Amino acid sequence: MKQLLKKLNACPEAIKWVRNKTQEEAWATCPRGDWMLWLYVRLHPDNIQELTLAKGHCANTVRHLMKDNRSIAAVDAAIAFGEGHITTKELKTYADDADAAANAAAAYAAYAAADADAAATYAADAAYAADAAAAYAAYVAADAAYVAAIAKKTNQQLTAELCRKYLTL
């Protein structure tokens, strides 16, 4: 597994964590859903429906932090798409709306960062994700102003459990 992660250019932290684990051991014990999603998309790039279902459930773990209903609707749409209830075209509409919400949130964060008093509050770490709903959820989940270190670790473990539930490596 370590060689596979190196070949895929995984982050040094993941490579160090995996040590001599087999692929099955690594998947069964991985403490981070973001790592699992990253690996899954590289090993199964065509399993969009299954991946979107898992991402939707992972994004749903930070639903309470979402302030824009377009983002919440996109999470619901990702789950609905993953379960086969809506089409790719319908999902794209929701994703576009969530992308607009994420852009608005990023613009607000940039504006707030210009204000010296608010800079610490709105220091954001934008994360990459394959679709807008997951991107917004990752953005919120990674934002240190909203998520304390322990909550972040707890969420990583929760999303890892969701990945094991919805994804087959």
Protein backbone atom coordinates (compact mmCIF):
# COMPACT_ATOMS: atom_id res chain seq x y z
CA MET A 1 0.00 0.00 0.00
CA LYS A 2 2.87 2.34 0.79
CA GLN A 3 4.24 1.93 -2.73
CA LEU A 4 0.81 2.63 -4.23
CA LEU A 5 0.46 5.83 -2.21
CA LYS A 6 3.91 6.97 -3.29
CA LYS A 7 3.07 6.23 -6.92
CA LEU A 8 -0.15 8.26 -6.59
CA ASN A 9 1.75 11.14 -4.92
CA ALA A 10 -0.13 10.92 -1.63
CA CYS A 11 0.71 13.35 1.11
CA PRO A 12 3.69 12.43 3.33
CA GLU A 13 1.42 12.15 6.37
CA ALA A 14 -0.68 9.42 4.71
CA ILE A 15 2.39 7.54 3.51
CA LYS A 16 3.86 7.66 7.00
CA TRP A 17 0.57 6.52 8.56
CA VAL A 18 0.14 3.53 6.22
CA ARG A 19 3.57 2.05 7.06
CA ASN A 20 3.41 -1.64 6.09
CA LYS A 21 -0.36 -2.03 6.03
CA THR A 22 -2.01 -3.93 3.22
CA GLN A 23 -4.63 -2.16 1.14
CA GLU A 24 -7.37 -3.96 3.08
CA GLU A 25 -5.83 -3.09 6.47
CA ALA A 26 -5.36 0.53 5.48
CA TRP A 27 -8.95 0.86 4.28
CA ALA A 28 -10.35 -0.84 7.40
CA THR A 29 -8.37 1.34 9.83
CA CYS A 30 -7.93 4.67 8.03
CA PRO A 31 -8.80 7.51 10.42
CA ARG A 32 -9.58 10.09 7.72
CA GLY A 33 -12.41 10.18 5.24
CA ASP A 34 -10.66 12.80 3.11
CA TRP A 35 -7.78 10.39 2.53
CA MET A 36 -10.21 7.62 1.63
CA LEU A 37 -12.10 9.80 -0.85
CA TRP A 38 -8.80 10.89 -2.37
CA LEU A 39 -7.68 7.28 -2.83
CA TYR A 40 -11.05 6.05 -4.04
CA VAL A 41 -11.31 8.61 -6.84
CA ARG A 42 -7.84 7.61 -8.07
CA LEU A 43 -8.59 3.89 -8.01
CA HIS A 44 -12.20 4.10 -9.25
CA PRO A 45 -12.53 7.29 -11.32
CA ASP A 46 -15.62 6.02 -13.15
CA ASN A 47 -17.71 5.18 -10.07
CA ILE A 48 -19.21 8.66 -9.92
CA GLN A 49 -22.54 7.64 -8.42
CA GLU A 50 -20.99 5.70 -5.53
CA LEU A 51 -18.40 8.43 -4.95
CA THR A 52 -21.04 11.18 -4.97
CA LEU A 53 -23.15 9.26 -2.46
CA ALA A 54 -20.20 8.98 -0.08
CA LYS A 55 -19.25 12.64 -0.58
CA GLY A 56 -22.83 13.69 0.05
CA HIS A 57 -22.92 11.81 3.34
CA CYS A 58 -19.51 13.20 4.32
CA ALA A 59 -20.65 16.74 3.49
CA ASN A 60 -23.79 16.14 5.53
CA THR A 61 -21.64 15.84 8.66
CA VAL A 62 -20.98 19.59 8.53
CA ARG A 63 -24.46 20.58 7.41
CA HIS A 64 -24.98 22.50 10.64
CA LEU A 65 -22.13 24.83 9.62
CA MET A 66 -23.64 25.63 6.23
CA LYS A 67 -25.27 29.01 6.22
CA ASP A 68 -26.62 29.01 2.67
CA ASN A 69 -29.61 26.87 1.70
CA ARG A 70 -28.08 26.28 -1.75
CA SER A 71 -25.26 24.36 -0.13
CA ILE A 72 -27.64 22.31 1.98
CA ALA A 73 -29.74 21.54 -1.11
CA ALA A 74 -26.58 20.44 -2.96
CA VAL A 75 -25.73 17.99 -0.18
CA ASP A 76 -29.23 16.54 -0.40
CA ALA A 77 -28.91 16.38 -4.20
CA ALA A 78 -25.57 14.57 -3.97
CA ILE A 79 -27.16 11.92 -1.78
CA ALA A 80 -30.21 11.71 -4.06
CA PHE A 81 -27.94 11.29 -7.11
CA GLY A 82 -25.91 8.64 -5.32
CA GLU A 83 -29.10 6.75 -4.54
CA GLY A 84 -30.28 7.04 -8.15
CA HIS A 85 -33.16 9.46 -7.51
CA ILE A 86 -31.98 12.36 -9.69
CA THR A 87 -30.03 12.72 -12.92
CA THR A 88 -26.54 14.06 -13.54
CA LYS A 89 -28.11 17.15 -15.10
CA GLU A 90 -30.20 17.81 -11.98
CA LEU A 91 -27.15 17.27 -9.77
CA LYS A 92 -25.19 19.78 -11.86
CA THR A 93 -27.86 22.42 -11.27
CA TYR A 94 -27.56 21.97 -7.52
CA ALA A 95 -23.78 21.87 -7.71
CA ASP A 96 -23.72 25.13 -9.69
CA ASP A 97 -25.92 26.77 -7.05
CA ALA A 98 -23.65 25.49 -4.27
CA ASP A 99 -20.61 26.73 -6.16
CA ALA A 100 -22.17 30.19 -6.24
CA ALA A 101 -22.73 29.92 -2.48
CA ALA A 102 -19.12 28.83 -1.92
CA ASN A 103 -17.87 31.71 -4.04
CA ALA A 104 -20.01 34.13 -2.05
CA ALA A 105 -18.65 32.68 1.20
CA ALA A 106 -15.08 32.95 -0.10
CA ALA A 107 -15.67 36.54 -1.18
CA TYR A 108 -17.05 37.36 2.26
CA ALA A 109 -14.07 35.70 3.91
CA ALA A 110 -11.69 37.70 1.71
CA TYR A 111 -13.52 40.91 2.58
CA ALA A 112 -13.44 40.05 6.28
CA ALA A 113 -9.74 39.15 6.08
CA ALA A 114 -9.07 42.70 4.89
CA ASP A 115 -10.51 43.93 8.16
CA ALA A 116 -7.76 43.55 10.77
CA ASP A 117 -10.24 42.72 13.54
CA ALA A 118 -11.91 39.94 11.55
CA ALA A 119 -8.82 38.49 9.89
CA ALA A 120 -8.26 35.81 12.51
CA THR A 121 -11.92 34.81 12.49
CA TYR A 122 -12.15 34.29 8.76
CA ALA A 123 -8.81 32.71 7.90
CA ALA A 124 -10.00 30.00 5.54
CA ASP A 125 -8.35 26.96 4.06
CA ALA A 126 -10.13 26.21 0.77
CA ALA A 127 -10.05 22.51 -0.02
CA TYR A 128 -10.31 20.80 -3.38
CA ALA A 129 -13.22 18.46 -4.02
CA ALA A 130 -14.72 16.96 -7.15
CA ASP A 131 -18.08 18.65 -6.92
CA ALA A 132 -19.34 21.94 -5.52
CA ALA A 133 -21.28 20.40 -2.63
CA ALA A 134 -18.26 18.49 -1.40
CA ALA A 135 -16.03 21.49 -2.07
CA TYR A 136 -18.15 23.71 0.13
CA ALA A 137 -18.34 21.09 2.86
CA ALA A 138 -14.56 20.63 2.78
CA TYR A 139 -14.10 24.40 2.85
CA VAL A 140 -16.24 24.66 5.96
CA ALA A 141 -14.76 21.55 7.58
CA ALA A 142 -11.20 22.76 7.05
CA ASP A 143 -11.88 26.29 8.28
CA ALA A 144 -10.02 26.51 11.57
CA ALA A 145 -12.21 29.39 12.72
CA TYR A 146 -15.25 27.10 12.83
CA VAL A 147 -13.82 23.72 13.70
CA ALA A 148 -11.66 23.10 16.74
CA ALA A 149 -8.89 20.54 16.34
CA ILE A 150 -10.74 17.86 18.28
CA ALA A 151 -13.93 18.37 16.31
CA LYS A 152 -11.97 18.16 13.08
CA LYS A 153 -10.37 14.87 14.12
CA THR A 154 -13.77 13.52 15.18
CA ASN A 155 -15.23 14.54 11.84
CA GLN A 156 -12.36 12.90 9.96
CA GLN A 157 -13.08 9.65 11.78
CA LEU A 158 -16.82 9.96 11.14
CA THR A 159 -16.25 10.56 7.43
CA ALA A 160 -13.86 7.58 7.35
CA GLU A 161 -16.66 5.40 8.74
CA LEU A 162 -19.04 6.78 6.12
CA CYS A 163 -16.52 6.01 3.37
CA ARG A 164 -16.26 2.43 4.58
CA LYS A 165 -20.06 2.23 4.58
CA TYR A 166 -20.64 3.64 1.08
CA LEU A 167 -17.46 2.83 -0.86
CA THR A 168 -16.04 -0.52 -1.84
CA LEU A 169 -12.30 -0.41 -2.41
